[in-house]
Every structure is written in structure tokens, then in C-alpha cells.
Amino acid sequence: MPLIKSSRRPARIAFPSFGSPDTFPSIDDFENRMNRFMERAFSEPFSVAFTEPIGWMPAMDIVETAKELTVTAELPGMDQKDVDVSVENGVLTIRGEKTDEREKEDKKTYLYERSYGAFQRSFMLPTTVETDKIAAEFEKGVLKVHLPKDGEAKPKGRKIEIR
């Protein structure tokens, strides 16, 4: 039971286009937003809000079967020419850039949730992957990289005999 009785009025939602003084958040709105932020920060300290990368990062899956690993990347709105896949020193790197499609006209935008920009993801490959047989395919905005396995691990180094 709180010691101080408080009453809150419902938070107002400001529509961004009008620009009148009524659209600025009230102290109560600001307090409500801060309370939600603090509650979430302490109840879910490692939630998505605190682990999201800055910028745009495509969703990726890595699936393993007996014969291969498959890396699948969702790249909506991108073409094959916008994506680069490379392998160097046992590291698979997928990079690309999604360009902004907005027209630069005299329009007011009320909501814009799509993300754009450059991205790069790198994955250390297991020693069982045959890097010379890696293949990639791109269809309908989905990139699939097939990483065939040879079944036996290649040694990362060797023992040096001391004479």
C-alpha cells in the first residue's frame, strides 16, 4: 500500500505533424516512460532492447545436418549484387548494404520502421568444413550458404618435436 495516494491521467499520444504545444509530452508522460524503462531494465537486464545491434542486421540461421552446415540470411529488398560472401582463414564473412528507397519529396513521414545501411557478419567455421567446396545461392531475398563437411577434423596445428 503506497504511503502517498497518487492519481494519474492517461498518457497522451502526440501526433507528430501538428507541432502545437499540446503535442509535447507532459511530466506525467515523461515519468511513465521513465518508469517503464527502469522496470524493464531491472526485470529484463539482458532483453532484446539492450542487446540489439546498432544499425541494421539481417536475421540469420545456422542449421547443421550430417553432411553440411547451412547459413541462411534474410535480406529483403536486396539484390544478389548487393551481397558479398567470402571465406578467409576459417572465417565466413557475409557483408552487404541495403540502400534507402525513400523518395526525397516534400512529404511528411508519420511512421518509418524499415532499416537500411551496411552490415557485416562473420562466423568462425569448424575444422570439418571443406572451404574449397562452399557454395551460395540467392533467391527472393534469401541467401543460403552451403558449407559441406568432410567428416573428420583437420588439425589446427601440429606438435613440434624438440631435439
C-alpha atoms as a PDB file:
ATOM      1  CA  MET A   1       0.000   0.000   0.000  1.00  0.00           C
ATOM      2  CA  PRO A   2       1.532   3.297  -1.068  1.00  0.00           C
ATOM      3  CA  LEU A   3       2.075   5.973   1.536  1.00  0.00           C
ATOM      4  CA  ILE A   4       1.131   8.734  -0.873  1.00  0.00           C
ATOM      5  CA  LYS A   5      -2.056   8.493  -2.838  1.00  0.00           C
ATOM      6  CA  SER A   6      -1.428   9.380  -6.442  1.00  0.00           C
ATOM      7  CA  SER A   7      -3.682   9.788  -9.395  1.00  0.00           C
ATOM      8  CA  ARG A   8      -2.540   9.572 -12.952  1.00  0.00           C
ATOM      9  CA  ARG A   9      -4.294  10.756 -16.006  1.00  0.00           C
ATOM     10  CA  PRO A  10      -3.946   8.662 -19.147  1.00  0.00           C
ATOM     11  CA  ALA A  11      -0.882   9.372 -21.230  1.00  0.00           C
ATOM     12  CA  ARG A  12      -1.486  11.463 -24.329  1.00  0.00           C
ATOM     13  CA  ILE A  13      -0.179  10.298 -27.654  1.00  0.00           C
ATOM     14  CA  ALA A  14       1.133  13.150 -29.728  1.00  0.00           C
ATOM     15  CA  PHE A  15       0.615  13.084 -33.458  1.00  0.00           C
ATOM     16  CA  PRO A  16       3.850  14.452 -34.893  1.00  0.00           C
ATOM     17  CA  SER A  17       2.529  16.627 -37.695  1.00  0.00           C
ATOM     18  CA  PHE A  18       0.685  19.353 -35.826  1.00  0.00           C
ATOM     19  CA  GLY A  19       3.531  20.931 -33.869  1.00  0.00           C
ATOM     20  CA  SER A  20       1.307  22.704 -31.351  1.00  0.00           C
ATOM     21  CA  PRO A  21       2.299  22.968 -27.669  1.00  0.00           C
ATOM     22  CA  ASP A  22      -0.265  20.254 -26.878  1.00  0.00           C
ATOM     23  CA  THR A  23       1.890  17.660 -28.632  1.00  0.00           C
ATOM     24  CA  PHE A  24       4.794  17.910 -26.196  1.00  0.00           C
ATOM     25  CA  PRO A  25       4.776  15.162 -23.590  1.00  0.00           C
ATOM     26  CA  SER A  26       3.604  16.166 -20.154  1.00  0.00           C
ATOM     27  CA  ILE A  27       5.580  15.499 -16.985  1.00  0.00           C
ATOM     28  CA  ASP A  28       3.307  12.508 -16.364  1.00  0.00           C
ATOM     29  CA  ASP A  29       4.080  11.127 -19.835  1.00  0.00           C
ATOM     30  CA  PHE A  30       7.788  11.517 -19.244  1.00  0.00           C
ATOM     31  CA  GLU A  31       7.508   9.893 -15.814  1.00  0.00           C
ATOM     32  CA  ASN A  32       5.523   6.959 -17.256  1.00  0.00           C
ATOM     33  CA  ARG A  33       8.130   6.403 -19.949  1.00  0.00           C
ATOM     34  CA  MET A  34      10.986   6.527 -17.432  1.00  0.00           C
ATOM     35  CA  ASN A  35       9.148   4.109 -15.117  1.00  0.00           C
ATOM     36  CA  ARG A  36       8.619   1.638 -17.970  1.00  0.00           C
ATOM     37  CA  PHE A  37      12.266   1.923 -18.947  1.00  0.00           C
ATOM     38  CA  MET A  38      13.517   1.368 -15.382  1.00  0.00           C
ATOM     39  CA  GLU A  39      11.129  -1.536 -14.764  1.00  0.00           C
ATOM     40  CA  ARG A  40      12.286  -3.210 -17.941  1.00  0.00           C
ATOM     41  CA  ALA A  41      15.965  -2.503 -17.227  1.00  0.00           C
ATOM     42  CA  PHE A  42      15.811  -4.228 -13.841  1.00  0.00           C
ATOM     43  CA  SER A  43      13.341  -7.004 -14.638  1.00  0.00           C
ATOM     44  CA  GLU A  44      14.890  -7.940 -18.008  1.00  0.00           C
ATOM     45  CA  PRO A  45      18.502  -6.723 -17.899  1.00  0.00           C
ATOM     46  CA  PHE A  46      19.585  -8.742 -20.946  1.00  0.00           C
ATOM     47  CA  SER A  47      16.461  -8.378 -23.024  1.00  0.00           C
ATOM     48  CA  VAL A  48      16.384  -7.555 -26.718  1.00  0.00           C
ATOM     49  CA  ALA A  49      16.289  -3.810 -26.040  1.00  0.00           C
ATOM     50  CA  PHE A  50      19.768  -3.975 -24.523  1.00  0.00           C
ATOM     51  CA  THR A  51      21.332  -6.466 -26.925  1.00  0.00           C
ATOM     52  CA  GLU A  52      20.165  -5.129 -30.284  1.00  0.00           C
ATOM     53  CA  PRO A  53      22.987  -4.094 -32.579  1.00  0.00           C
ATOM     54  CA  ILE A  54      23.217  -0.505 -33.696  1.00  0.00           C
ATOM     55  CA  GLY A  55      22.133  -0.162 -37.292  1.00  0.00           C
ATOM     56  CA  TRP A  56      20.625  -2.856 -39.473  1.00  0.00           C
ATOM     57  CA  MET A  57      21.494  -6.511 -39.038  1.00  0.00           C
ATOM     58  CA  PRO A  58      19.720  -9.199 -41.099  1.00  0.00           C
ATOM     59  CA  ALA A  59      18.247 -12.259 -39.402  1.00  0.00           C
ATOM     60  CA  MET A  60      20.354 -15.378 -39.881  1.00  0.00           C
ATOM     61  CA  ASP A  61      20.002 -19.088 -39.135  1.00  0.00           C
ATOM     62  CA  ILE A  62      22.710 -21.735 -38.973  1.00  0.00           C
ATOM     63  CA  VAL A  63      21.478 -25.315 -39.359  1.00  0.00           C
ATOM     64  CA  GLU A  64      23.599 -28.460 -39.235  1.00  0.00           C
ATOM     65  CA  THR A  65      22.888 -31.803 -40.896  1.00  0.00           C
ATOM     66  CA  ALA A  66      25.102 -34.861 -41.167  1.00  0.00           C
ATOM     67  CA  LYS A  67      26.525 -33.641 -44.493  1.00  0.00           C
ATOM     68  CA  GLU A  68      26.670 -29.852 -44.181  1.00  0.00           C
ATOM     69  CA  LEU A  69      26.075 -26.629 -42.321  1.00  0.00           C
ATOM     70  CA  THR A  70      23.699 -24.151 -43.936  1.00  0.00           C
ATOM     71  CA  VAL A  71      23.736 -20.432 -43.165  1.00  0.00           C
ATOM     72  CA  THR A  72      20.506 -18.706 -44.201  1.00  0.00           C
ATOM     73  CA  ALA A  73      20.213 -14.909 -44.214  1.00  0.00           C
ATOM     74  CA  GLU A  74      17.013 -12.945 -44.794  1.00  0.00           C
ATOM     75  CA  LEU A  75      17.869  -9.981 -46.991  1.00  0.00           C
ATOM     76  CA  PRO A  76      14.534  -8.454 -48.050  1.00  0.00           C
ATOM     77  CA  GLY A  77      14.716  -5.753 -50.665  1.00  0.00           C
ATOM     78  CA  MET A  78      18.287  -6.627 -51.622  1.00  0.00           C
ATOM     79  CA  ASP A  79      19.701  -7.997 -54.863  1.00  0.00           C
ATOM     80  CA  GLN A  80      22.459 -10.544 -55.316  1.00  0.00           C
ATOM     81  CA  LYS A  81      24.843  -7.774 -56.447  1.00  0.00           C
ATOM     82  CA  ASP A  82      24.444  -6.053 -53.036  1.00  0.00           C
ATOM     83  CA  VAL A  83      25.820  -9.062 -51.098  1.00  0.00           C
ATOM     84  CA  ASP A  84      29.381 -10.367 -50.745  1.00  0.00           C
ATOM     85  CA  VAL A  85      30.277 -13.761 -49.255  1.00  0.00           C
ATOM     86  CA  SER A  86      33.897 -14.700 -48.542  1.00  0.00           C
ATOM     87  CA  VAL A  87      35.969 -17.204 -46.560  1.00  0.00           C
ATOM     88  CA  GLU A  88      39.398 -16.396 -45.215  1.00  0.00           C
ATOM     89  CA  ASN A  89      41.435 -18.196 -42.547  1.00  0.00           C
ATOM     90  CA  GLY A  90      38.466 -20.314 -41.492  1.00  0.00           C
ATOM     91  CA  VAL A  91      36.089 -17.350 -41.093  1.00  0.00           C
ATOM     92  CA  LEU A  92      32.939 -16.981 -43.202  1.00  0.00           C
ATOM     93  CA  THR A  93      32.033 -13.323 -43.773  1.00  0.00           C
ATOM     94  CA  ILE A  94      28.738 -12.100 -45.206  1.00  0.00           C
ATOM     95  CA  ARG A  95      28.539  -8.391 -45.924  1.00  0.00           C
ATOM     96  CA  GLY A  96      26.278  -6.118 -47.874  1.00  0.00           C
ATOM     97  CA  GLU A  97      24.368  -2.883 -47.976  1.00  0.00           C
ATOM     98  CA  LYS A  98      20.659  -2.179 -48.150  1.00  0.00           C
ATOM     99  CA  THR A  99      20.038   1.243 -49.660  1.00  0.00           C
ATOM    100  CA  ASP A 100      17.281   3.619 -48.646  1.00  0.00           C
ATOM    101  CA  GLU A 101      14.358   3.511 -51.102  1.00  0.00           C
ATOM    102  CA  ARG A 102      12.547   6.591 -49.844  1.00  0.00           C
ATOM    103  CA  GLU A 103      11.861   9.258 -52.405  1.00  0.00           C
ATOM    104  CA  LYS A 104      13.165  12.683 -51.472  1.00  0.00           C
ATOM    105  CA  GLU A 105       9.922  14.557 -51.997  1.00  0.00           C
ATOM    106  CA  ASP A 106       8.125  17.137 -49.932  1.00  0.00           C
ATOM    107  CA  LYS A 107       6.218  14.537 -47.892  1.00  0.00           C
ATOM    108  CA  LYS A 108       5.690  14.116 -44.188  1.00  0.00           C
ATOM    109  CA  THR A 109       6.505  10.677 -42.856  1.00  0.00           C
ATOM    110  CA  TYR A 110       4.497   9.610 -39.806  1.00  0.00           C
ATOM    111  CA  LEU A 111       5.990   6.170 -39.296  1.00  0.00           C
ATOM    112  CA  TYR A 112       9.136   4.659 -40.760  1.00  0.00           C
ATOM    113  CA  GLU A 113      10.263   1.358 -39.264  1.00  0.00           C
ATOM    114  CA  ARG A 114      12.320  -0.146 -42.074  1.00  0.00           C
ATOM    115  CA  SER A 115      16.077  -0.149 -41.587  1.00  0.00           C
ATOM    116  CA  TYR A 116      18.852   0.482 -44.068  1.00  0.00           C
ATOM    117  CA  GLY A 117      22.597   0.539 -44.125  1.00  0.00           C
ATOM    118  CA  ALA A 118      25.663  -1.646 -44.381  1.00  0.00           C
ATOM    119  CA  PHE A 119      26.083  -4.851 -42.413  1.00  0.00           C
ATOM    120  CA  GLN A 120      28.751  -7.468 -41.866  1.00  0.00           C
ATOM    121  CA  ARG A 121      28.516 -10.820 -40.073  1.00  0.00           C
ATOM    122  CA  SER A 122      31.448 -13.183 -39.525  1.00  0.00           C
ATOM    123  CA  PHE A 123      31.372 -16.780 -38.306  1.00  0.00           C
ATOM    124  CA  MET A 124      34.294 -18.985 -37.288  1.00  0.00           C
ATOM    125  CA  LEU A 125      33.963 -22.233 -39.234  1.00  0.00           C
ATOM    126  CA  PRO A 126      34.515 -25.639 -37.664  1.00  0.00           C
ATOM    127  CA  THR A 127      37.564 -27.510 -38.900  1.00  0.00           C
ATOM    128  CA  THR A 128      35.321 -30.144 -40.523  1.00  0.00           C
ATOM    129  CA  VAL A 129      34.083 -27.684 -43.200  1.00  0.00           C
ATOM    130  CA  GLU A 130      35.613 -28.084 -46.659  1.00  0.00           C
ATOM    131  CA  THR A 131      36.211 -24.429 -47.502  1.00  0.00           C
ATOM    132  CA  ASP A 132      37.011 -25.127 -51.160  1.00  0.00           C
ATOM    133  CA  LYS A 133      33.524 -26.618 -51.719  1.00  0.00           C
ATOM    134  CA  ILE A 134      31.434 -23.814 -50.142  1.00  0.00           C
ATOM    135  CA  ALA A 135      28.550 -22.705 -52.389  1.00  0.00           C
ATOM    136  CA  ALA A 136      25.973 -19.915 -52.081  1.00  0.00           C
ATOM    137  CA  GLU A 137      22.602 -19.233 -53.672  1.00  0.00           C
ATOM    138  CA  PHE A 138      20.362 -16.157 -53.587  1.00  0.00           C
ATOM    139  CA  GLU A 139      16.654 -16.275 -54.357  1.00  0.00           C
ATOM    140  CA  LYS A 140      13.733 -13.989 -53.409  1.00  0.00           C
ATOM    141  CA  GLY A 141      15.744 -12.051 -50.839  1.00  0.00           C
ATOM    142  CA  VAL A 142      17.103 -15.145 -49.072  1.00  0.00           C
ATOM    143  CA  LEU A 143      20.796 -16.041 -49.139  1.00  0.00           C
ATOM    144  CA  LYS A 144      21.781 -19.655 -48.445  1.00  0.00           C
ATOM    145  CA  VAL A 145      25.419 -20.595 -47.939  1.00  0.00           C
ATOM    146  CA  HIS A 146      26.125 -24.334 -48.020  1.00  0.00           C
ATOM    147  CA  LEU A 147      29.171 -25.457 -46.045  1.00  0.00           C
ATOM    148  CA  PRO A 148      29.877 -29.149 -46.773  1.00  0.00           C
ATOM    149  CA  LYS A 149      31.599 -31.189 -44.072  1.00  0.00           C
ATOM    150  CA  ASP A 150      34.241 -33.807 -44.773  1.00  0.00           C
ATOM    151  CA  GLY A 151      33.620 -35.829 -41.630  1.00  0.00           C
ATOM    152  CA  GLU A 152      36.982 -35.615 -39.959  1.00  0.00           C
ATOM    153  CA  ALA A 153      38.541 -32.661 -38.230  1.00  0.00           C
ATOM    154  CA  LYS A 154      41.646 -31.205 -39.757  1.00  0.00           C
ATOM    155  CA  PRO A 155      44.371 -30.445 -37.233  1.00  0.00           C
ATOM    156  CA  LYS A 156      44.720 -26.757 -36.413  1.00  0.00           C
ATOM    157  CA  GLY A 157      48.381 -27.166 -35.673  1.00  0.00           C
ATOM    158  CA  ARG A 158      50.958 -29.789 -35.049  1.00  0.00           C
ATOM    159  CA  LYS A 159      53.246 -30.885 -32.260  1.00  0.00           C
ATOM    160  CA  ILE A 160      56.811 -29.716 -32.706  1.00  0.00           C
ATOM    161  CA  GLU A 161      59.365 -32.222 -31.572  1.00  0.00           C
ATOM    162  CA  ILE A 162      62.191 -30.784 -29.517  1.00  0.00           C
ATOM    163  CA  ARG A 163      65.607 -32.168 -30.409  1.00  0.00           C
END
